[in-house]
Amino acid sequence: MPSNISTYNKELSIIFGGICDGLRQEVRYRYLTQLIAPKEDMSLTEEREAQLVVSLAYHIRMIGFPVQVESYFYDQPPSQRPDLAILLPASKKYIFLEVKNIDPYAGFIPAIEDIIKRENITSPRDKRNGLIALGFRNPTGPRERFDNKYERLSEKITSEHPYREIGIKKIDLEGMDDKAVYAMIGFWIRK
């Protein structure tokens, strides 16, 4: 990494890499478990959003970041619960993230709704918030380019809202999950 990148940005980059690596490890773990118990459906594609959040939290912890699931903002009402609160140890700051599962055949309106909801936050400490969008491209169905959907989502988030892209990555899952050819992960943080 270039030396002019701030510590905060380096930590965000490490988290994004950890999320990408962690997702692939989780799919591999579930594949191996499926070999032991073939009648059990262990596909990560079948999990609800809460399980995806827990899985991401586990893998972020494994790379050294303290993580709280369903945490609270500093100054927002308790009804505002971000999916993840991650302490950036070098920056000594928390970031608050929403996680949204993006289906390859549906729109990305729920992700934009979360961005809009977080955009209205005014407390400086709570403004360090963002979105992780992840989804799985199954091997059947229309041949829509799922990765293009993430590019369109990023364009909408970064051009219409005060957020910047940390990264978008396509993760090959071929041969590890009968229900997913690849996964897409996107990460945006408020400017």
N, C-alpha and C. Protein backbone atom coordinates (compact mmCIF):
# COMPACT_ATOMS: atom_id res chain seq x y z
N MET A 1 0.83 -1.19 0.00
CA MET A 1 0.00 0.00 0.00
C MET A 1 0.87 1.25 0.00
N PRO A 2 0.44 2.26 -0.72
CA PRO A 2 1.21 3.51 -0.69
C PRO A 2 1.26 4.09 0.72
N SER A 3 2.36 4.75 1.05
CA SER A 3 2.54 5.25 2.41
C SER A 3 1.62 6.43 2.74
N ASN A 4 0.99 7.05 1.72
CA ASN A 4 0.13 8.20 2.00
C ASN A 4 -1.30 7.80 2.38
N ILE A 5 -1.58 6.52 2.40
CA ILE A 5 -2.91 6.07 2.81
C ILE A 5 -2.99 6.14 4.33
N SER A 6 -4.07 6.72 4.83
CA SER A 6 -4.22 6.89 6.27
C SER A 6 -4.38 5.55 6.99
N THR A 7 -4.09 5.57 8.27
CA THR A 7 -4.27 4.38 9.10
C THR A 7 -5.71 3.90 9.03
N TYR A 8 -6.65 4.84 9.09
CA TYR A 8 -8.08 4.51 9.01
C TYR A 8 -8.39 3.75 7.72
N ASN A 9 -7.90 4.25 6.60
CA ASN A 9 -8.15 3.59 5.32
C ASN A 9 -7.47 2.23 5.23
N LYS A 10 -6.30 2.11 5.82
CA LYS A 10 -5.61 0.82 5.84
C LYS A 10 -6.44 -0.20 6.62
N GLU A 11 -6.98 0.24 7.76
CA GLU A 11 -7.80 -0.67 8.56
C GLU A 11 -9.06 -1.09 7.81
N LEU A 12 -9.69 -0.15 7.10
CA LEU A 12 -10.87 -0.49 6.30
C LEU A 12 -10.52 -1.49 5.21
N SER A 13 -9.37 -1.31 4.59
CA SER A 13 -8.92 -2.22 3.55
C SER A 13 -8.66 -3.63 4.12
N ILE A 14 -8.07 -3.69 5.30
CA ILE A 14 -7.82 -4.98 5.96
C ILE A 14 -9.14 -5.67 6.27
N ILE A 15 -10.11 -4.91 6.76
CA ILE A 15 -11.42 -5.49 7.06
C ILE A 15 -12.06 -6.05 5.80
N PHE A 16 -12.01 -5.29 4.70
CA PHE A 16 -12.60 -5.77 3.45
C PHE A 16 -11.92 -7.07 2.99
N GLY A 17 -10.60 -7.11 3.06
CA GLY A 17 -9.89 -8.34 2.69
C GLY A 17 -10.27 -9.50 3.60
N GLY A 18 -10.40 -9.21 4.89
CA GLY A 18 -10.80 -10.25 5.84
C GLY A 18 -12.20 -10.77 5.59
N ILE A 19 -13.10 -9.89 5.20
CA ILE A 19 -14.47 -10.30 4.89
C ILE A 19 -14.46 -11.21 3.65
N CYS A 20 -13.72 -10.82 2.64
CA CYS A 20 -13.65 -11.63 1.41
C CYS A 20 -13.04 -13.00 1.69
N ASP A 21 -11.91 -13.02 2.38
CA ASP A 21 -11.26 -14.30 2.72
C ASP A 21 -12.15 -15.13 3.64
N GLY A 22 -12.78 -14.47 4.60
CA GLY A 22 -13.64 -15.18 5.55
C GLY A 22 -14.84 -15.82 4.88
N LEU A 23 -15.43 -15.14 3.92
CA LEU A 23 -16.58 -15.72 3.22
C LEU A 23 -16.15 -16.98 2.48
N ARG A 24 -15.03 -16.92 1.81
CA ARG A 24 -14.54 -18.11 1.08
C ARG A 24 -14.23 -19.24 2.07
N GLN A 25 -13.62 -18.93 3.20
CA GLN A 25 -13.33 -19.97 4.21
C GLN A 25 -14.61 -20.58 4.75
N GLU A 26 -15.63 -19.74 4.98
CA GLU A 26 -16.91 -20.24 5.50
C GLU A 26 -17.56 -21.19 4.51
N VAL A 27 -17.54 -20.84 3.23
CA VAL A 27 -18.11 -21.72 2.21
C VAL A 27 -17.33 -23.03 2.16
N ARG A 28 -16.01 -22.95 2.22
CA ARG A 28 -15.17 -24.17 2.20
C ARG A 28 -15.45 -25.04 3.43
N TYR A 29 -15.56 -24.43 4.59
CA TYR A 29 -15.88 -25.18 5.82
C TYR A 29 -17.22 -25.90 5.67
N ARG A 30 -18.21 -25.21 5.14
CA ARG A 30 -19.53 -25.81 4.98
C ARG A 30 -19.50 -26.93 3.94
N TYR A 31 -18.67 -26.79 2.91
CA TYR A 31 -18.51 -27.83 1.90
C TYR A 31 -17.94 -29.10 2.54
N LEU A 32 -16.91 -28.92 3.36
CA LEU A 32 -16.31 -30.08 4.03
C LEU A 32 -17.30 -30.72 5.00
N THR A 33 -18.07 -29.92 5.69
CA THR A 33 -19.09 -30.45 6.60
C THR A 33 -20.14 -31.24 5.82
N GLN A 34 -20.48 -30.76 4.63
CA GLN A 34 -21.45 -31.45 3.78
C GLN A 34 -20.94 -32.84 3.39
N LEU A 35 -19.63 -33.00 3.25
CA LEU A 35 -19.06 -34.31 2.92
C LEU A 35 -19.28 -35.30 4.07
N ILE A 36 -19.24 -34.78 5.29
CA ILE A 36 -19.43 -35.63 6.47
C ILE A 36 -20.91 -35.94 6.68
N ALA A 37 -21.75 -34.95 6.46
CA ALA A 37 -23.20 -35.10 6.67
C ALA A 37 -23.94 -34.71 5.39
N PRO A 38 -23.93 -35.58 4.37
CA PRO A 38 -24.47 -35.21 3.06
C PRO A 38 -25.97 -34.89 3.04
N LYS A 39 -26.71 -35.31 4.01
CA LYS A 39 -28.15 -35.04 4.00
C LYS A 39 -28.49 -33.67 4.58
N GLU A 40 -27.52 -33.03 5.19
CA GLU A 40 -27.72 -31.70 5.77
C GLU A 40 -27.44 -30.65 4.70
N ASP A 41 -28.28 -29.63 4.64
CA ASP A 41 -28.03 -28.53 3.71
C ASP A 41 -27.20 -27.47 4.43
N MET A 42 -25.93 -27.43 4.11
CA MET A 42 -25.01 -26.53 4.80
C MET A 42 -24.68 -25.28 3.98
N SER A 43 -25.35 -25.09 2.86
CA SER A 43 -25.01 -23.98 1.98
C SER A 43 -25.23 -22.64 2.67
N LEU A 44 -24.24 -21.77 2.57
CA LEU A 44 -24.35 -20.43 3.13
C LEU A 44 -25.42 -19.63 2.38
N THR A 45 -25.72 -20.02 1.16
CA THR A 45 -26.73 -19.32 0.37
C THR A 45 -28.13 -19.44 0.98
N GLU A 46 -28.33 -20.43 1.82
CA GLU A 46 -29.65 -20.67 2.43
C GLU A 46 -29.82 -19.95 3.76
N GLU A 47 -28.78 -19.31 4.24
CA GLU A 47 -28.83 -18.67 5.55
C GLU A 47 -29.56 -17.33 5.50
N ARG A 48 -30.14 -16.99 6.61
CA ARG A 48 -30.77 -15.69 6.75
C ARG A 48 -29.70 -14.64 7.01
N GLU A 49 -30.08 -13.38 6.88
CA GLU A 49 -29.13 -12.29 7.03
C GLU A 49 -28.42 -12.32 8.39
N ALA A 50 -29.13 -12.67 9.44
CA ALA A 50 -28.53 -12.70 10.78
C ALA A 50 -27.36 -13.68 10.83
N GLN A 51 -27.48 -14.83 10.19
CA GLN A 51 -26.39 -15.80 10.18
C GLN A 51 -25.20 -15.29 9.37
N LEU A 52 -25.48 -14.57 8.28
CA LEU A 52 -24.39 -13.98 7.50
C LEU A 52 -23.63 -12.96 8.35
N VAL A 53 -24.36 -12.16 9.14
CA VAL A 53 -23.75 -11.16 10.01
C VAL A 53 -22.83 -11.85 11.02
N VAL A 54 -23.31 -12.91 11.64
CA VAL A 54 -22.52 -13.63 12.64
C VAL A 54 -21.26 -14.23 12.01
N SER A 55 -21.42 -14.79 10.82
CA SER A 55 -20.26 -15.36 10.12
C SER A 55 -19.22 -14.29 9.81
N LEU A 56 -19.67 -13.15 9.30
CA LEU A 56 -18.74 -12.05 9.01
C LEU A 56 -18.05 -11.57 10.29
N ALA A 57 -18.82 -11.44 11.36
CA ALA A 57 -18.25 -10.99 12.63
C ALA A 57 -17.15 -11.94 13.09
N TYR A 58 -17.39 -13.22 12.98
CA TYR A 58 -16.40 -14.23 13.38
C TYR A 58 -15.10 -14.04 12.60
N HIS A 59 -15.21 -13.89 11.30
CA HIS A 59 -14.01 -13.78 10.46
C HIS A 59 -13.29 -12.43 10.65
N ILE A 60 -14.03 -11.39 10.95
CA ILE A 60 -13.39 -10.10 11.25
C ILE A 60 -12.64 -10.20 12.57
N ARG A 61 -13.21 -10.90 13.54
CA ARG A 61 -12.51 -11.11 14.82
C ARG A 61 -11.22 -11.91 14.60
N MET A 62 -11.29 -12.88 13.70
CA MET A 62 -10.12 -13.74 13.46
C MET A 62 -8.92 -12.96 12.91
N ILE A 63 -9.17 -11.82 12.27
CA ILE A 63 -8.04 -11.03 11.76
C ILE A 63 -7.64 -9.92 12.75
N GLY A 64 -8.25 -9.92 13.95
CA GLY A 64 -7.77 -9.06 15.01
C GLY A 64 -8.59 -7.83 15.35
N PHE A 65 -9.81 -7.72 14.84
CA PHE A 65 -10.64 -6.56 15.13
C PHE A 65 -11.73 -6.93 16.13
N PRO A 66 -11.87 -6.19 17.23
CA PRO A 66 -13.01 -6.42 18.13
C PRO A 66 -14.32 -6.07 17.41
N VAL A 67 -15.30 -6.96 17.50
CA VAL A 67 -16.58 -6.78 16.79
C VAL A 67 -17.72 -7.04 17.75
N GLN A 68 -18.74 -6.21 17.66
CA GLN A 68 -19.99 -6.43 18.37
C GLN A 68 -21.10 -6.60 17.34
N VAL A 69 -21.93 -7.59 17.54
CA VAL A 69 -23.08 -7.83 16.67
C VAL A 69 -24.29 -7.15 17.28
N GLU A 70 -25.11 -6.54 16.45
CA GLU A 70 -26.30 -5.80 16.90
C GLU A 70 -25.92 -4.83 18.01
N SER A 71 -24.98 -4.00 17.71
CA SER A 71 -24.48 -3.02 18.67
C SER A 71 -25.39 -1.80 18.68
N TYR A 72 -24.93 -0.75 19.31
CA TYR A 72 -25.66 0.51 19.35
C TYR A 72 -24.75 1.62 18.87
N PHE A 73 -25.34 2.63 18.26
CA PHE A 73 -24.61 3.85 17.96
C PHE A 73 -24.34 4.57 19.28
N TYR A 74 -23.43 5.53 19.25
CA TYR A 74 -23.16 6.32 20.44
C TYR A 74 -24.38 7.15 20.85
N ASP A 75 -24.91 7.92 19.92
CA ASP A 75 -25.93 8.92 20.26
C ASP A 75 -27.29 8.70 19.62
N GLN A 76 -27.50 7.58 18.96
CA GLN A 76 -28.78 7.31 18.31
C GLN A 76 -29.68 6.53 19.26
N PRO A 77 -30.99 6.56 19.02
CA PRO A 77 -31.90 5.79 19.88
C PRO A 77 -31.62 4.28 19.78
N PRO A 78 -31.93 3.54 20.83
CA PRO A 78 -31.67 2.09 20.83
C PRO A 78 -32.33 1.35 19.66
N SER A 79 -33.39 1.90 19.10
CA SER A 79 -34.05 1.24 17.97
C SER A 79 -33.15 1.22 16.73
N GLN A 80 -32.15 2.09 16.71
CA GLN A 80 -31.18 2.13 15.61
C GLN A 80 -30.04 1.18 15.97
N ARG A 81 -30.09 0.00 15.50
CA ARG A 81 -29.04 -0.97 15.80
C ARG A 81 -28.30 -1.36 14.53
N PRO A 82 -27.06 -0.97 14.40
CA PRO A 82 -26.29 -1.45 13.25
C PRO A 82 -25.98 -2.94 13.43
N ASP A 83 -25.83 -3.64 12.33
CA ASP A 83 -25.53 -5.07 12.40
C ASP A 83 -24.18 -5.34 13.06
N LEU A 84 -23.19 -4.51 12.75
CA LEU A 84 -21.84 -4.70 13.28
C LEU A 84 -21.26 -3.38 13.77
N ALA A 85 -20.60 -3.43 14.90
CA ALA A 85 -19.76 -2.32 15.36
C ALA A 85 -18.36 -2.90 15.46
N ILE A 86 -17.44 -2.28 14.74
CA ILE A 86 -16.06 -2.80 14.68
C ILE A 86 -15.13 -1.72 15.22
N LEU A 87 -14.32 -2.09 16.20
CA LEU A 87 -13.32 -1.18 16.74
C LEU A 87 -12.07 -1.27 15.88
N LEU A 88 -11.65 -0.13 15.37
CA LEU A 88 -10.41 -0.06 14.60
C LEU A 88 -9.31 0.28 15.60
N PRO A 89 -8.50 -0.70 16.01
CA PRO A 89 -7.58 -0.48 17.11
C PRO A 89 -6.52 0.60 16.86
N ALA A 90 -5.99 0.68 15.66
CA ALA A 90 -4.95 1.69 15.39
C ALA A 90 -5.55 3.09 15.33
N SER A 91 -6.75 3.21 14.77
CA SER A 91 -7.41 4.52 14.66
C SER A 91 -8.15 4.90 15.93
N LYS A 92 -8.40 3.90 16.78
CA LYS A 92 -9.17 4.10 18.01
C LYS A 92 -10.56 4.67 17.72
N LYS A 93 -11.20 4.13 16.70
CA LYS A 93 -12.54 4.55 16.30
C LYS A 93 -13.39 3.31 16.04
N TYR A 94 -14.69 3.48 16.27
CA TYR A 94 -15.64 2.45 15.87
C TYR A 94 -16.20 2.80 14.51
N ILE A 95 -16.49 1.77 13.72
CA ILE A 95 -17.32 1.94 12.53
C ILE A 95 -18.54 1.07 12.73
N PHE A 96 -19.65 1.52 12.20
CA PHE A 96 -20.93 0.84 12.36
C PHE A 96 -21.41 0.43 10.96
N LEU A 97 -21.66 -0.87 10.80
CA LEU A 97 -21.98 -1.37 9.46
C LEU A 97 -23.31 -2.12 9.43
N GLU A 98 -24.01 -1.92 8.34
CA GLU A 98 -25.19 -2.70 8.01
C GLU A 98 -24.75 -3.78 7.03
N VAL A 99 -25.38 -4.94 7.10
CA VAL A 99 -25.11 -6.03 6.16
C VAL A 99 -26.40 -6.32 5.42
N LYS A 100 -26.31 -6.34 4.10
CA LYS A 100 -27.49 -6.64 3.28
C LYS A 100 -27.15 -7.76 2.31
N ASN A 101 -28.04 -8.72 2.25
CA ASN A 101 -27.93 -9.81 1.28
C ASN A 101 -28.59 -9.34 -0.01
N ILE A 102 -27.87 -9.37 -1.11
CA ILE A 102 -28.38 -8.94 -2.40
C ILE A 102 -28.61 -10.18 -3.25
N ASP A 103 -29.87 -10.41 -3.60
CA ASP A 103 -30.24 -11.55 -4.42
C ASP A 103 -29.92 -11.23 -5.88
N PRO A 104 -29.43 -12.22 -6.65
CA PRO A 104 -29.09 -11.92 -8.05
C PRO A 104 -30.30 -11.56 -8.91
N TYR A 105 -31.50 -11.94 -8.49
CA TYR A 105 -32.68 -11.72 -9.33
C TYR A 105 -33.62 -10.67 -8.76
N ALA A 106 -33.21 -10.00 -7.71
CA ALA A 106 -34.03 -8.94 -7.13
C ALA A 106 -33.25 -7.63 -7.19
N GLY A 107 -33.91 -6.55 -6.87
CA GLY A 107 -33.24 -5.26 -6.87
C GLY A 107 -32.38 -5.06 -5.65
N PHE A 108 -31.79 -3.89 -5.56
CA PHE A 108 -30.95 -3.58 -4.41
C PHE A 108 -31.54 -2.45 -3.57
N ILE A 109 -32.85 -2.27 -3.65
CA ILE A 109 -33.54 -1.22 -2.89
C ILE A 109 -33.29 -1.34 -1.38
N PRO A 110 -33.34 -2.54 -0.75
CA PRO A 110 -33.08 -2.60 0.71
C PRO A 110 -31.71 -2.05 1.09
N ALA A 111 -30.71 -2.23 0.25
CA ALA A 111 -29.38 -1.69 0.54
C ALA A 111 -29.41 -0.16 0.49
N ILE A 112 -30.09 0.39 -0.49
CA ILE A 112 -30.19 1.84 -0.62
C ILE A 112 -31.01 2.41 0.55
N GLU A 113 -32.06 1.71 0.97
CA GLU A 113 -32.85 2.17 2.12
C GLU A 113 -31.99 2.25 3.38
N ASP A 114 -31.08 1.28 3.58
CA ASP A 114 -30.18 1.34 4.73
C ASP A 114 -29.22 2.50 4.62
N ILE A 115 -28.73 2.76 3.44
CA ILE A 115 -27.83 3.91 3.22
C ILE A 115 -28.57 5.21 3.56
N ILE A 116 -29.79 5.35 3.07
CA ILE A 116 -30.58 6.57 3.33
C ILE A 116 -30.84 6.73 4.82
N LYS A 117 -31.17 5.63 5.49
CA LYS A 117 -31.43 5.68 6.93
C LYS A 117 -30.20 6.16 7.69
N ARG A 118 -29.02 5.68 7.31
CA ARG A 118 -27.78 6.06 7.98
C ARG A 118 -27.31 7.46 7.59
N GLU A 119 -27.72 7.90 6.42
CA GLU A 119 -27.34 9.23 5.93
C GLU A 119 -27.89 10.35 6.81
N ASN A 120 -29.01 10.10 7.48
CA ASN A 120 -29.67 11.11 8.31
C ASN A 120 -29.04 11.26 9.69
N ILE A 121 -28.07 10.44 10.02
CA ILE A 121 -27.40 10.51 11.31
C ILE A 121 -26.49 11.73 11.34
N THR A 122 -26.55 12.49 12.44
CA THR A 122 -25.79 13.73 12.51
C THR A 122 -24.62 13.71 13.50
N SER A 123 -24.65 12.83 14.49
CA SER A 123 -23.56 12.78 15.46
C SER A 123 -22.25 12.38 14.76
N PRO A 124 -21.18 13.14 14.95
CA PRO A 124 -19.91 12.82 14.27
C PRO A 124 -19.42 11.39 14.53
N ARG A 125 -19.56 10.90 15.77
CA ARG A 125 -19.07 9.54 16.06
C ARG A 125 -19.92 8.48 15.36
N ASP A 126 -21.21 8.76 15.18
CA ASP A 126 -22.11 7.80 14.54
C ASP A 126 -22.07 7.88 13.02
N LYS A 127 -21.45 8.94 12.51
CA LYS A 127 -21.35 9.09 11.05
C LYS A 127 -20.35 8.11 10.44
N ARG A 128 -19.52 7.49 11.26
CA ARG A 128 -18.60 6.49 10.73
C ARG A 128 -19.39 5.19 10.54
N ASN A 129 -20.22 5.19 9.50
CA ASN A 129 -21.05 4.02 9.25
C ASN A 129 -20.98 3.64 7.78
N GLY A 130 -21.47 2.45 7.48
CA GLY A 130 -21.38 2.00 6.10
C GLY A 130 -22.21 0.76 5.86
N LEU A 131 -21.94 0.14 4.74
CA LEU A 131 -22.73 -0.99 4.26
C LEU A 131 -21.82 -2.07 3.69
N ILE A 132 -22.13 -3.30 4.05
CA ILE A 132 -21.54 -4.47 3.39
C ILE A 132 -22.70 -5.15 2.66
N ALA A 133 -22.56 -5.30 1.36
CA ALA A 133 -23.58 -6.02 0.57
C ALA A 133 -22.94 -7.30 0.07
N LEU A 134 -23.63 -8.41 0.28
CA LEU A 134 -23.11 -9.67 -0.23
C LEU A 134 -24.23 -10.50 -0.81
N GLY A 135 -23.88 -11.29 -1.77
CA GLY A 135 -24.86 -12.14 -2.42
C GLY A 135 -24.17 -13.28 -3.15
N PHE A 136 -24.96 -14.26 -3.50
CA PHE A 136 -24.45 -15.47 -4.14
C PHE A 136 -25.13 -15.67 -5.48
N ARG A 137 -24.33 -15.93 -6.51
CA ARG A 137 -24.86 -16.18 -7.85
C ARG A 137 -25.03 -17.68 -8.00
N ASN A 138 -26.29 -18.12 -8.11
CA ASN A 138 -26.54 -19.54 -8.26
C ASN A 138 -26.32 -19.96 -9.71
N PRO A 139 -26.11 -21.27 -9.93
CA PRO A 139 -25.72 -21.73 -11.26
C PRO A 139 -26.85 -21.77 -12.29
N THR A 140 -28.09 -21.62 -11.88
CA THR A 140 -29.20 -21.69 -12.82
C THR A 140 -29.89 -20.34 -12.90
N GLY A 141 -30.80 -20.21 -13.83
CA GLY A 141 -31.57 -18.98 -13.95
C GLY A 141 -31.05 -18.07 -15.04
N PRO A 142 -31.62 -16.89 -15.15
CA PRO A 142 -31.20 -15.95 -16.20
C PRO A 142 -29.72 -15.63 -16.08
N ARG A 143 -29.13 -15.29 -17.17
CA ARG A 143 -27.68 -15.03 -17.22
C ARG A 143 -27.32 -13.58 -16.94
N GLU A 144 -28.06 -12.94 -16.04
CA GLU A 144 -27.72 -11.57 -15.66
C GLU A 144 -26.32 -11.56 -15.07
N ARG A 145 -25.59 -10.54 -15.38
CA ARG A 145 -24.24 -10.40 -14.83
C ARG A 145 -24.37 -9.79 -13.44
N PHE A 146 -24.26 -10.65 -12.45
CA PHE A 146 -24.44 -10.24 -11.06
C PHE A 146 -23.41 -9.18 -10.68
N ASP A 147 -22.19 -9.30 -11.19
CA ASP A 147 -21.17 -8.32 -10.85
C ASP A 147 -21.54 -6.93 -11.38
N ASN A 148 -22.28 -6.86 -12.49
CA ASN A 148 -22.74 -5.57 -13.00
C ASN A 148 -23.72 -4.91 -12.03
N LYS A 149 -24.52 -5.73 -11.35
CA LYS A 149 -25.45 -5.19 -10.37
C LYS A 149 -24.70 -4.46 -9.26
N TYR A 150 -23.58 -5.02 -8.83
CA TYR A 150 -22.78 -4.38 -7.79
C TYR A 150 -22.15 -3.08 -8.28
N GLU A 151 -21.77 -3.04 -9.55
CA GLU A 151 -21.24 -1.80 -10.11
C GLU A 151 -22.33 -0.73 -10.15
N ARG A 152 -23.55 -1.12 -10.52
CA ARG A 152 -24.67 -0.16 -10.53
C ARG A 152 -25.00 0.29 -9.11
N LEU A 153 -24.98 -0.64 -8.15
CA LEU A 153 -25.22 -0.30 -6.75
C LEU A 153 -24.17 0.70 -6.27
N SER A 154 -22.91 0.45 -6.57
CA SER A 154 -21.85 1.34 -6.14
C SER A 154 -22.01 2.72 -6.76
N GLU A 155 -22.35 2.77 -8.03
CA GLU A 155 -22.54 4.06 -8.70
C GLU A 155 -23.66 4.85 -8.01
N LYS A 156 -24.74 4.17 -7.68
CA LYS A 156 -25.87 4.84 -7.01
C LYS A 156 -25.46 5.34 -5.62
N ILE A 157 -24.79 4.49 -4.86
CA ILE A 157 -24.38 4.86 -3.50
C ILE A 157 -23.39 6.04 -3.53
N THR A 158 -22.39 5.96 -4.38
CA THR A 158 -21.33 6.98 -4.35
C THR A 158 -21.71 8.28 -5.05
N SER A 159 -22.65 8.22 -5.98
CA SER A 159 -23.02 9.46 -6.68
C SER A 159 -24.19 10.19 -6.03
N GLU A 160 -25.06 9.45 -5.33
CA GLU A 160 -26.26 10.06 -4.75
C GLU A 160 -26.22 10.20 -3.24
N HIS A 161 -25.21 9.62 -2.61
CA HIS A 161 -25.15 9.61 -1.14
C HIS A 161 -23.71 9.88 -0.70
N PRO A 162 -23.51 10.35 0.55
CA PRO A 162 -22.16 10.70 1.00
C PRO A 162 -21.33 9.48 1.45
N TYR A 163 -21.20 8.52 0.55
CA TYR A 163 -20.46 7.29 0.85
C TYR A 163 -19.43 7.05 -0.24
N ARG A 164 -18.38 6.35 0.15
CA ARG A 164 -17.35 5.99 -0.83
C ARG A 164 -17.15 4.48 -0.82
N GLU A 165 -16.73 3.98 -1.94
CA GLU A 165 -16.51 2.54 -2.08
C GLU A 165 -15.15 2.17 -1.50
N ILE A 166 -15.15 1.14 -0.67
CA ILE A 166 -13.89 0.57 -0.18
C ILE A 166 -13.46 -0.54 -1.12
N GLY A 167 -14.43 -1.30 -1.61
CA GLY A 167 -14.10 -2.35 -2.57
C GLY A 167 -15.31 -3.16 -2.97
N ILE A 168 -15.19 -3.78 -4.13
CA ILE A 168 -16.16 -4.76 -4.62
C ILE A 168 -15.33 -5.93 -5.13
N LYS A 169 -15.73 -7.13 -4.75
CA LYS A 169 -14.96 -8.30 -5.16
C LYS A 169 -15.87 -9.46 -5.51
N LYS A 170 -15.48 -10.15 -6.55
CA LYS A 170 -16.14 -11.39 -6.97
C LYS A 170 -15.30 -12.54 -6.43
N ILE A 171 -15.94 -13.46 -5.71
CA ILE A 171 -15.23 -14.57 -5.08
C ILE A 171 -15.71 -15.88 -5.69
N ASP A 172 -14.81 -16.55 -6.36
CA ASP A 172 -15.13 -17.80 -7.04
C ASP A 172 -15.42 -18.90 -6.01
N LEU A 173 -16.56 -19.55 -6.17
CA LEU A 173 -16.95 -20.64 -5.27
C LEU A 173 -17.18 -21.93 -6.03
N GLU A 174 -16.78 -21.97 -7.29
CA GLU A 174 -17.00 -23.14 -8.15
C GLU A 174 -16.48 -24.40 -7.48
N GLY A 175 -17.34 -25.39 -7.40
CA GLY A 175 -16.96 -26.68 -6.84
C GLY A 175 -17.08 -26.77 -5.33
N MET A 176 -17.36 -25.65 -4.65
CA MET A 176 -17.47 -25.68 -3.19
C MET A 176 -18.91 -25.61 -2.70
N ASP A 177 -19.82 -25.18 -3.56
CA ASP A 177 -21.22 -25.05 -3.16
C ASP A 177 -22.07 -25.27 -4.40
N ASP A 178 -22.93 -26.28 -4.35
CA ASP A 178 -23.78 -26.59 -5.50
C ASP A 178 -24.77 -25.47 -5.80
N LYS A 179 -24.98 -24.58 -4.84
CA LYS A 179 -25.98 -23.52 -5.01
C LYS A 179 -25.36 -22.17 -5.33
N ALA A 180 -24.05 -22.10 -5.44
CA ALA A 180 -23.40 -20.82 -5.71
C ALA A 180 -22.17 -21.01 -6.58
N VAL A 181 -22.13 -20.31 -7.68
CA VAL A 181 -20.98 -20.32 -8.57
C VAL A 181 -19.94 -19.33 -8.05
N TYR A 182 -20.43 -18.17 -7.61
CA TYR A 182 -19.55 -17.17 -7.02
C TYR A 182 -20.35 -16.29 -6.07
N ALA A 183 -19.63 -15.54 -5.27
CA ALA A 183 -20.24 -14.56 -4.36
C ALA A 183 -19.73 -13.18 -4.76
N MET A 184 -20.54 -12.18 -4.47
CA MET A 184 -20.13 -10.79 -4.66
C MET A 184 -20.17 -10.10 -3.29
N ILE A 185 -19.16 -9.30 -3.03
CA ILE A 185 -19.11 -8.53 -1.79
C ILE A 185 -18.77 -7.08 -2.14
N GLY A 186 -19.52 -6.17 -1.57
CA GLY A 186 -19.23 -4.75 -1.73
C GLY A 186 -19.18 -4.10 -0.35
N PHE A 187 -18.33 -3.10 -0.21
CA PHE A 187 -18.15 -2.42 1.08
C PHE A 187 -18.06 -0.92 0.81
N TRP A 188 -18.95 -0.16 1.46
CA TRP A 188 -18.99 1.30 1.34
C TRP A 188 -18.98 1.90 2.73
N ILE A 189 -18.31 3.05 2.85
CA ILE A 189 -18.23 3.73 4.14
C ILE A 189 -18.56 5.20 3.91
N ARG A 190 -19.15 5.81 4.92
CA ARG A 190 -19.51 7.23 4.81
C ARG A 190 -18.26 8.09 4.76
N LYS A 191 -18.30 9.11 3.90
CA LYS A 191 -17.17 10.04 3.75
C LYS A 191 -17.03 10.91 4.99
